[in-house]
Amino acid sequence: MSYRAFILFSLLAMPCVAGTPVAMKEQALLISVAPYKHIQEEFLNLHRSLAACLSEVHDKESADSAVVTVRGIRDNFHTLKEEEKKLPAPSTAVQKALHKQNQDKEISELNLASTGKILELTLEMPSPCYGSTALASELTKLLAQFGGSF
């Protein structure tokens, strides 16, 4: 969905707020935050998928089996980063609203479950990723892409 279509959809989906300028300002902020929040939610969904996938890696066979899923997550992550680049730079108010949402305990736990598990698997000694060089390669590439997703 394009940025403009998303804004239009957000406008149509929101109830009309008649009344105070404060209520109208809050509604305007919600509309402004919507496309950034959508991207943020999609990043979180990718991290959830990654955490679920990596939680099943316990040996070389399961590590090798996870490669296809991790590659798909990496591809989706790249696509999402490209969508994010198309958005205009967020205003200070939008940045503050997004930052407030990022303080959630669930996000910290999710970051540990996904990125933390990547680090655990790739730094294991003596054999990273239980000896699966394919998974180690995919995780290294994915970790390189993660900069700034949270």
C-alpha atoms as a PDB file:
ATOM      1  CA  MET A   1       0.000   0.000   0.000  1.00  0.00           C
ATOM      2  CA  SER A   2       1.451   3.360  -0.964  1.00  0.00           C
ATOM      3  CA  TYR A   3       2.001   6.122   1.560  1.00  0.00           C
ATOM      4  CA  ARG A   4      -0.805   8.236   0.089  1.00  0.00           C
ATOM      5  CA  ALA A   5      -3.246   5.331  -0.033  1.00  0.00           C
ATOM      6  CA  PHE A   6      -2.403   4.487   3.574  1.00  0.00           C
ATOM      7  CA  ILE A   7      -3.060   8.081   4.691  1.00  0.00           C
ATOM      8  CA  LEU A   8      -6.355   8.145   2.776  1.00  0.00           C
ATOM      9  CA  PHE A   9      -7.386   4.831   4.297  1.00  0.00           C
ATOM     10  CA  SER A  10      -6.461   6.137   7.758  1.00  0.00           C
ATOM     11  CA  LEU A  11      -8.549   9.245   7.236  1.00  0.00           C
ATOM     12  CA  LEU A  12     -11.556   7.258   6.086  1.00  0.00           C
ATOM     13  CA  ALA A  13     -11.252   4.710   8.881  1.00  0.00           C
ATOM     14  CA  MET A  14     -11.041   7.254  11.683  1.00  0.00           C
ATOM     15  CA  PRO A  15     -14.218   8.592  13.218  1.00  0.00           C
ATOM     16  CA  CYS A  16     -14.876  12.230  12.586  1.00  0.00           C
ATOM     17  CA  VAL A  17     -13.912  14.221  15.651  1.00  0.00           C
ATOM     18  CA  ALA A  18     -15.869  17.367  16.052  1.00  0.00           C
ATOM     19  CA  GLY A  19     -14.931  19.584  18.868  1.00  0.00           C
ATOM     20  CA  THR A  20     -11.909  21.024  20.478  1.00  0.00           C
ATOM     21  CA  PRO A  21      -8.715  21.938  18.702  1.00  0.00           C
ATOM     22  CA  VAL A  22      -6.907  19.569  21.091  1.00  0.00           C
ATOM     23  CA  ALA A  23      -8.991  16.609  19.873  1.00  0.00           C
ATOM     24  CA  MET A  24      -8.363  17.607  16.280  1.00  0.00           C
ATOM     25  CA  LYS A  25      -4.638  17.954  16.946  1.00  0.00           C
ATOM     26  CA  GLU A  26      -4.561  14.475  18.530  1.00  0.00           C
ATOM     27  CA  GLN A  27      -6.385  13.025  15.530  1.00  0.00           C
ATOM     28  CA  ALA A  28      -3.932  14.739  13.166  1.00  0.00           C
ATOM     29  CA  LEU A  29      -1.028  13.234  15.106  1.00  0.00           C
ATOM     30  CA  LEU A  30      -2.613   9.768  14.906  1.00  0.00           C
ATOM     31  CA  ILE A  31      -2.969  10.150  11.157  1.00  0.00           C
ATOM     32  CA  SER A  32       0.611  11.384  10.826  1.00  0.00           C
ATOM     33  CA  VAL A  33       1.975   8.493  12.891  1.00  0.00           C
ATOM     34  CA  ALA A  34      -0.046   5.815  11.064  1.00  0.00           C
ATOM     35  CA  PRO A  35       2.308   5.002   8.160  1.00  0.00           C
ATOM     36  CA  TYR A  36       5.352   4.922  10.449  1.00  0.00           C
ATOM     37  CA  LYS A  37       3.504   2.789  12.981  1.00  0.00           C
ATOM     38  CA  HIS A  38       2.487   0.404  10.193  1.00  0.00           C
ATOM     39  CA  ILE A  39       6.140  -0.051   9.179  1.00  0.00           C
ATOM     40  CA  GLN A  40       7.110  -0.458  12.829  1.00  0.00           C
ATOM     41  CA  GLU A  41       4.470  -3.156  13.345  1.00  0.00           C
ATOM     42  CA  GLU A  42       5.689  -5.014  10.268  1.00  0.00           C
ATOM     43  CA  PHE A  43       9.266  -4.924  11.610  1.00  0.00           C
ATOM     44  CA  LEU A  44       7.977  -6.336  14.889  1.00  0.00           C
ATOM     45  CA  ASN A  45       6.120  -9.091  13.039  1.00  0.00           C
ATOM     46  CA  LEU A  46       9.341 -10.044  11.256  1.00  0.00           C
ATOM     47  CA  HIS A  47      11.161 -10.166  14.584  1.00  0.00           C
ATOM     48  CA  ARG A  48       8.376 -12.352  16.010  1.00  0.00           C
ATOM     49  CA  SER A  49       8.695 -14.732  13.055  1.00  0.00           C
ATOM     50  CA  LEU A  50      12.451 -14.802  13.441  1.00  0.00           C
ATOM     51  CA  ALA A  51      12.253 -15.476  17.176  1.00  0.00           C
ATOM     52  CA  ALA A  52       9.796 -18.330  16.587  1.00  0.00           C
ATOM     53  CA  CYS A  53      11.975 -19.818  13.855  1.00  0.00           C
ATOM     54  CA  LEU A  54      15.209 -19.588  15.846  1.00  0.00           C
ATOM     55  CA  SER A  55      13.622 -21.002  18.978  1.00  0.00           C
ATOM     56  CA  GLU A  56      13.299 -24.276  17.056  1.00  0.00           C
ATOM     57  CA  VAL A  57      17.035 -24.479  16.241  1.00  0.00           C
ATOM     58  CA  HIS A  58      18.623 -27.077  18.512  1.00  0.00           C
ATOM     59  CA  ASP A  59      20.956 -29.049  16.244  1.00  0.00           C
ATOM     60  CA  LYS A  60      22.488 -29.003  12.750  1.00  0.00           C
ATOM     61  CA  GLU A  61      19.410 -30.509  11.112  1.00  0.00           C
ATOM     62  CA  SER A  62      17.043 -27.911  12.585  1.00  0.00           C
ATOM     63  CA  ALA A  63      19.593 -25.179  11.779  1.00  0.00           C
ATOM     64  CA  ASP A  64      19.725 -26.271   8.145  1.00  0.00           C
ATOM     65  CA  SER A  65      15.924 -26.390   8.050  1.00  0.00           C
ATOM     66  CA  ALA A  66      15.687 -22.805   9.312  1.00  0.00           C
ATOM     67  CA  VAL A  67      17.743 -21.373   6.441  1.00  0.00           C
ATOM     68  CA  VAL A  68      14.817 -20.971   4.025  1.00  0.00           C
ATOM     69  CA  THR A  69      12.668 -19.243   6.642  1.00  0.00           C
ATOM     70  CA  VAL A  70      15.478 -16.900   7.695  1.00  0.00           C
ATOM     71  CA  ARG A  71      16.197 -16.058   4.047  1.00  0.00           C
ATOM     72  CA  GLY A  72      12.517 -15.173   3.539  1.00  0.00           C
ATOM     73  CA  ILE A  73      12.544 -12.995   6.654  1.00  0.00           C
ATOM     74  CA  ARG A  74      15.714 -11.290   5.412  1.00  0.00           C
ATOM     75  CA  ASP A  75      14.103 -10.610   2.023  1.00  0.00           C
ATOM     76  CA  ASN A  76      10.964  -9.236   3.692  1.00  0.00           C
ATOM     77  CA  PHE A  77      13.092  -7.110   5.980  1.00  0.00           C
ATOM     78  CA  HIS A  78      14.882  -5.618   2.973  1.00  0.00           C
ATOM     79  CA  THR A  79      11.557  -4.882   1.248  1.00  0.00           C
ATOM     80  CA  LEU A  80      10.237  -3.232   4.388  1.00  0.00           C
ATOM     81  CA  LYS A  81      13.369  -1.083   4.702  1.00  0.00           C
ATOM     82  CA  GLU A  82      12.792   0.085   1.109  1.00  0.00           C
ATOM     83  CA  GLU A  83       9.178   0.998   1.953  1.00  0.00           C
ATOM     84  CA  GLU A  84      10.403   2.887   5.008  1.00  0.00           C
ATOM     85  CA  LYS A  85      12.832   4.911   2.854  1.00  0.00           C
ATOM     86  CA  LYS A  86       9.902   6.117   0.731  1.00  0.00           C
ATOM     87  CA  LEU A  87       8.254   7.800   3.707  1.00  0.00           C
ATOM     88  CA  PRO A  88       9.057  11.454   4.313  1.00  0.00           C
ATOM     89  CA  ALA A  89      11.178  12.262   7.334  1.00  0.00           C
ATOM     90  CA  PRO A  90       8.913  12.149  10.402  1.00  0.00           C
ATOM     91  CA  SER A  91       8.218  15.359  12.296  1.00  0.00           C
ATOM     92  CA  THR A  92       9.462  15.800  15.848  1.00  0.00           C
ATOM     93  CA  ALA A  93       5.962  15.053  17.197  1.00  0.00           C
ATOM     94  CA  VAL A  94       5.773  11.829  15.184  1.00  0.00           C
ATOM     95  CA  GLN A  95       9.250  10.808  16.348  1.00  0.00           C
ATOM     96  CA  LYS A  96       8.247  11.376  19.981  1.00  0.00           C
ATOM     97  CA  ALA A  97       5.053   9.333  19.557  1.00  0.00           C
ATOM     98  CA  LEU A  98       6.957   6.457  17.940  1.00  0.00           C
ATOM     99  CA  HIS A  99       9.692   6.574  20.569  1.00  0.00           C
ATOM    100  CA  LYS A 100       7.058   6.361  23.296  1.00  0.00           C
ATOM    101  CA  GLN A 101       5.630   3.225  21.680  1.00  0.00           C
ATOM    102  CA  ASN A 102       9.126   1.683  21.435  1.00  0.00           C
ATOM    103  CA  GLN A 103       9.563   1.719  25.204  1.00  0.00           C
ATOM    104  CA  ASP A 104       7.331  -1.340  25.510  1.00  0.00           C
ATOM    105  CA  LYS A 105       8.711  -4.266  27.558  1.00  0.00           C
ATOM    106  CA  GLU A 106       7.479  -6.701  24.886  1.00  0.00           C
ATOM    107  CA  ILE A 107       9.738  -5.026  22.312  1.00  0.00           C
ATOM    108  CA  SER A 108      12.778  -5.466  24.564  1.00  0.00           C
ATOM    109  CA  GLU A 109      11.927  -9.118  25.115  1.00  0.00           C
ATOM    110  CA  LEU A 110      11.325  -9.623  21.397  1.00  0.00           C
ATOM    111  CA  ASN A 111      14.654  -8.009  20.573  1.00  0.00           C
ATOM    112  CA  LEU A 112      16.369 -10.431  22.945  1.00  0.00           C
ATOM    113  CA  ALA A 113      14.496 -13.405  21.471  1.00  0.00           C
ATOM    114  CA  SER A 114      15.411 -12.539  17.887  1.00  0.00           C
ATOM    115  CA  THR A 115      18.635 -10.536  17.750  1.00  0.00           C
ATOM    116  CA  GLY A 116      19.921 -12.081  20.963  1.00  0.00           C
ATOM    117  CA  LYS A 117      19.346 -15.567  19.567  1.00  0.00           C
ATOM    118  CA  ILE A 118      21.183 -14.607  16.357  1.00  0.00           C
ATOM    119  CA  LEU A 119      24.182 -13.536  18.408  1.00  0.00           C
ATOM    120  CA  GLU A 120      23.991 -16.668  20.519  1.00  0.00           C
ATOM    121  CA  LEU A 121      23.845 -18.932  17.473  1.00  0.00           C
ATOM    122  CA  THR A 122      26.549 -17.169  15.478  1.00  0.00           C
ATOM    123  CA  LEU A 123      28.961 -16.814  18.394  1.00  0.00           C
ATOM    124  CA  GLU A 124      28.611 -20.363  19.723  1.00  0.00           C
ATOM    125  CA  MET A 125      31.876 -22.139  20.182  1.00  0.00           C
ATOM    126  CA  PRO A 126      33.274 -24.346  18.800  1.00  0.00           C
ATOM    127  CA  SER A 127      30.653 -24.575  16.041  1.00  0.00           C
ATOM    128  CA  PRO A 128      28.385 -21.602  15.218  1.00  0.00           C
ATOM    129  CA  CYS A 129      24.807 -22.506  14.282  1.00  0.00           C
ATOM    130  CA  TYR A 130      25.474 -26.128  15.200  1.00  0.00           C
ATOM    131  CA  GLY A 131      27.733 -26.394  12.164  1.00  0.00           C
ATOM    132  CA  SER A 132      25.245 -25.035   9.626  1.00  0.00           C
ATOM    133  CA  THR A 133      27.315 -22.653   7.538  1.00  0.00           C
ATOM    134  CA  ALA A 134      24.222 -21.755   5.484  1.00  0.00           C
ATOM    135  CA  LEU A 135      22.332 -20.568   8.578  1.00  0.00           C
ATOM    136  CA  ALA A 136      25.382 -18.738   9.911  1.00  0.00           C
ATOM    137  CA  SER A 137      25.679 -16.911   6.586  1.00  0.00           C
ATOM    138  CA  GLU A 138      21.984 -15.945   6.484  1.00  0.00           C
ATOM    139  CA  LEU A 139      22.002 -14.761  10.095  1.00  0.00           C
ATOM    140  CA  THR A 140      25.127 -12.681   9.539  1.00  0.00           C
ATOM    141  CA  LYS A 141      23.497 -10.998   6.525  1.00  0.00           C
ATOM    142  CA  LEU A 142      20.283 -10.417   8.463  1.00  0.00           C
ATOM    143  CA  LEU A 143      22.093  -8.974  11.453  1.00  0.00           C
ATOM    144  CA  ALA A 144      23.875  -6.532   9.134  1.00  0.00           C
ATOM    145  CA  GLN A 145      20.465  -5.318   7.894  1.00  0.00           C
ATOM    146  CA  PHE A 146      19.009  -4.831  11.379  1.00  0.00           C
ATOM    147  CA  GLY A 147      20.609  -1.470  12.036  1.00  0.00           C
ATOM    148  CA  GLY A 148      17.868   0.925  13.111  1.00  0.00           C
ATOM    149  CA  SER A 149      14.839  -1.355  13.001  1.00  0.00           C
ATOM    150  CA  PHE A 150      14.026  -0.811  16.672  1.00  0.00           C
END
